Amino acid sequence: MTDSYAAIIRDVAQSVHANMRELTDRKGFADSEELDHIEGKLIAYQEVLAMLRASAAEHNLPLRELGL
Protein backbone atom coordinates (compact mmCIF):
# COMPACT_ATOMS: atom_id res chain seq x y z
CA MET A 1 0.00 0.00 0.00
CA THR A 2 1.39 3.35 -0.92
CA ASP A 3 1.68 6.12 1.64
CA SER A 4 -0.85 8.25 -0.21
CA TYR A 5 -3.53 5.54 -0.01
CA ALA A 6 -2.86 5.10 3.70
CA ALA A 7 -3.13 8.86 4.18
CA ILE A 8 -6.48 8.95 2.39
CA ILE A 9 -7.87 6.11 4.50
CA ARG A 10 -6.57 7.80 7.67
CA ASP A 11 -8.16 11.12 6.66
CA VAL A 12 -11.52 9.47 5.99
CA ALA A 13 -11.40 7.54 9.28
CA GLN A 14 -10.48 10.68 11.23
CA SER A 15 -13.31 12.63 9.59
CA VAL A 16 -15.83 9.91 10.36
CA HIS A 17 -14.68 9.70 13.98
CA ALA A 18 -14.86 13.50 14.33
CA ASN A 19 -18.34 13.60 12.83
CA MET A 20 -19.47 10.85 15.18
CA ARG A 21 -18.15 12.77 18.20
CA GLU A 22 -19.92 15.93 17.05
CA LEU A 23 -23.20 14.10 16.56
CA THR A 24 -22.89 12.40 19.93
CA ASP A 25 -22.40 15.82 21.54
CA ARG A 26 -25.45 17.19 19.70
CA LYS A 27 -27.65 14.37 21.00
CA GLY A 28 -27.62 16.03 24.42
CA PHE A 29 -29.70 19.01 23.30
CA ALA A 30 -31.55 17.69 20.23
CA ASP A 31 -35.32 17.52 19.96
CA SER A 32 -36.94 14.14 19.19
CA GLU A 33 -37.08 14.70 15.43
CA GLU A 34 -33.44 15.73 15.23
CA LEU A 35 -32.50 12.87 17.55
CA ASP A 36 -33.86 10.36 15.03
CA HIS A 37 -31.81 12.03 12.29
CA ILE A 38 -28.68 11.98 14.47
CA GLU A 39 -29.15 8.32 15.35
CA GLY A 40 -29.52 7.46 11.66
CA LYS A 41 -26.33 9.29 10.78
CA LEU A 42 -24.44 7.61 13.63
CA ILE A 43 -25.54 4.20 12.39
CA ALA A 44 -24.42 5.08 8.86
CA TYR A 45 -21.01 6.23 10.10
CA GLN A 46 -20.63 3.01 12.12
CA GLU A 47 -21.39 1.02 8.98
CA VAL A 48 -18.78 2.96 7.01
CA LEU A 49 -16.16 2.25 9.67
CA ALA A 50 -17.15 -1.42 9.76
CA MET A 51 -16.74 -1.67 5.98
CA LEU A 52 -13.34 0.02 6.10
CA ARG A 53 -12.21 -2.27 8.94
CA ALA A 54 -13.42 -5.40 7.17
CA SER A 55 -11.76 -4.42 3.91
CA ALA A 56 -8.50 -3.49 5.63
CA ALA A 57 -8.49 -6.77 7.58
CA GLU A 58 -9.23 -8.73 4.41
CA HIS A 59 -6.16 -7.16 2.81
CA ASN A 60 -4.02 -7.56 5.95
CA LEU A 61 -3.64 -3.82 6.43
CA PRO A 62 -2.77 -2.38 9.85
CA LEU A 63 -6.07 -1.18 11.34
CA ARG A 64 -4.50 0.92 14.10
CA GLU A 65 -2.15 2.72 11.71
CA LEU A 66 -5.11 3.52 9.46
CA GLY A 67 -7.13 5.01 12.31
CA LEU A 68 -9.60 2.15 12.21
C-alpha atoms as a PDB file:
ATOM      1  CA  MET A   1       0.000   0.000   0.000  1.00  0.00           C
ATOM      2  CA  THR A   2       1.392   3.352  -0.920  1.00  0.00           C
ATOM      3  CA  ASP A   3       1.683   6.115   1.635  1.00  0.00           C
ATOM      4  CA  SER A   4      -0.851   8.246  -0.214  1.00  0.00           C
ATOM      5  CA  TYR A   5      -3.531   5.539  -0.008  1.00  0.00           C
ATOM      6  CA  ALA A   6      -2.861   5.097   3.696  1.00  0.00           C
ATOM      7  CA  ALA A   7      -3.130   8.857   4.184  1.00  0.00           C
ATOM      8  CA  ILE A   8      -6.480   8.947   2.388  1.00  0.00           C
ATOM      9  CA  ILE A   9      -7.869   6.114   4.500  1.00  0.00           C
ATOM     10  CA  ARG A  10      -6.573   7.798   7.674  1.00  0.00           C
ATOM     11  CA  ASP A  11      -8.160  11.115   6.660  1.00  0.00           C
ATOM     12  CA  VAL A  12     -11.519   9.467   5.991  1.00  0.00           C
ATOM     13  CA  ALA A  13     -11.403   7.544   9.280  1.00  0.00           C
ATOM     14  CA  GLN A  14     -10.482  10.677  11.227  1.00  0.00           C
ATOM     15  CA  SER A  15     -13.307  12.632   9.594  1.00  0.00           C
ATOM     16  CA  VAL A  16     -15.829   9.907  10.356  1.00  0.00           C
ATOM     17  CA  HIS A  17     -14.677   9.703  13.984  1.00  0.00           C
ATOM     18  CA  ALA A  18     -14.857  13.502  14.332  1.00  0.00           C
ATOM     19  CA  ASN A  19     -18.343  13.598  12.825  1.00  0.00           C
ATOM     20  CA  MET A  20     -19.473  10.847  15.183  1.00  0.00           C
ATOM     21  CA  ARG A  21     -18.145  12.774  18.201  1.00  0.00           C
ATOM     22  CA  GLU A  22     -19.924  15.931  17.047  1.00  0.00           C
ATOM     23  CA  LEU A  23     -23.198  14.098  16.555  1.00  0.00           C
ATOM     24  CA  THR A  24     -22.888  12.399  19.932  1.00  0.00           C
ATOM     25  CA  ASP A  25     -22.403  15.819  21.543  1.00  0.00           C
ATOM     26  CA  ARG A  26     -25.451  17.187  19.699  1.00  0.00           C
ATOM     27  CA  LYS A  27     -27.647  14.370  20.999  1.00  0.00           C
ATOM     28  CA  GLY A  28     -27.625  16.033  24.420  1.00  0.00           C
ATOM     29  CA  PHE A  29     -29.699  19.006  23.296  1.00  0.00           C
ATOM     30  CA  ALA A  30     -31.551  17.687  20.231  1.00  0.00           C
ATOM     31  CA  ASP A  31     -35.322  17.516  19.957  1.00  0.00           C
ATOM     32  CA  SER A  32     -36.940  14.144  19.189  1.00  0.00           C
ATOM     33  CA  GLU A  33     -37.075  14.699  15.426  1.00  0.00           C
ATOM     34  CA  GLU A  34     -33.437  15.731  15.234  1.00  0.00           C
ATOM     35  CA  LEU A  35     -32.498  12.873  17.553  1.00  0.00           C
ATOM     36  CA  ASP A  36     -33.861  10.356  15.032  1.00  0.00           C
ATOM     37  CA  HIS A  37     -31.809  12.026  12.292  1.00  0.00           C
ATOM     38  CA  ILE A  38     -28.675  11.984  14.465  1.00  0.00           C
ATOM     39  CA  GLU A  39     -29.152   8.317  15.353  1.00  0.00           C
ATOM     40  CA  GLY A  40     -29.521   7.460  11.664  1.00  0.00           C
ATOM     41  CA  LYS A  41     -26.327   9.288  10.780  1.00  0.00           C
ATOM     42  CA  LEU A  42     -24.437   7.608  13.626  1.00  0.00           C
ATOM     43  CA  ILE A  43     -25.540   4.198  12.386  1.00  0.00           C
ATOM     44  CA  ALA A  44     -24.422   5.077   8.856  1.00  0.00           C
ATOM     45  CA  TYR A  45     -21.008   6.228  10.104  1.00  0.00           C
ATOM     46  CA  GLN A  46     -20.629   3.013  12.119  1.00  0.00           C
ATOM     47  CA  GLU A  47     -21.388   1.021   8.984  1.00  0.00           C
ATOM     48  CA  VAL A  48     -18.781   2.955   7.009  1.00  0.00           C
ATOM     49  CA  LEU A  49     -16.162   2.251   9.666  1.00  0.00           C
ATOM     50  CA  ALA A  50     -17.150  -1.415   9.759  1.00  0.00           C
ATOM     51  CA  MET A  51     -16.739  -1.669   5.981  1.00  0.00           C
ATOM     52  CA  LEU A  52     -13.344   0.022   6.099  1.00  0.00           C
ATOM     53  CA  ARG A  53     -12.209  -2.271   8.940  1.00  0.00           C
ATOM     54  CA  ALA A  54     -13.417  -5.401   7.170  1.00  0.00           C
ATOM     55  CA  SER A  55     -11.759  -4.416   3.914  1.00  0.00           C
ATOM     56  CA  ALA A  56      -8.499  -3.492   5.633  1.00  0.00           C
ATOM     57  CA  ALA A  57      -8.490  -6.767   7.580  1.00  0.00           C
ATOM     58  CA  GLU A  58      -9.232  -8.728   4.408  1.00  0.00           C
ATOM     59  CA  HIS A  59      -6.162  -7.156   2.812  1.00  0.00           C
ATOM     60  CA  ASN A  60      -4.016  -7.556   5.945  1.00  0.00           C
ATOM     61  CA  LEU A  61      -3.639  -3.818   6.431  1.00  0.00           C
ATOM     62  CA  PRO A  62      -2.771  -2.378   9.850  1.00  0.00           C
ATOM     63  CA  LEU A  63      -6.075  -1.184  11.339  1.00  0.00           C
ATOM     64  CA  ARG A  64      -4.501   0.916  14.100  1.00  0.00           C
ATOM     65  CA  GLU A  65      -2.148   2.721  11.710  1.00  0.00           C
ATOM     66  CA  LEU A  66      -5.108   3.525   9.460  1.00  0.00           C
ATOM     67  CA  GLY A  67      -7.133   5.009  12.308  1.00  0.00           C
ATOM     68  CA  LEU A  68      -9.597   2.151  12.213  1.00  0.00           C
END
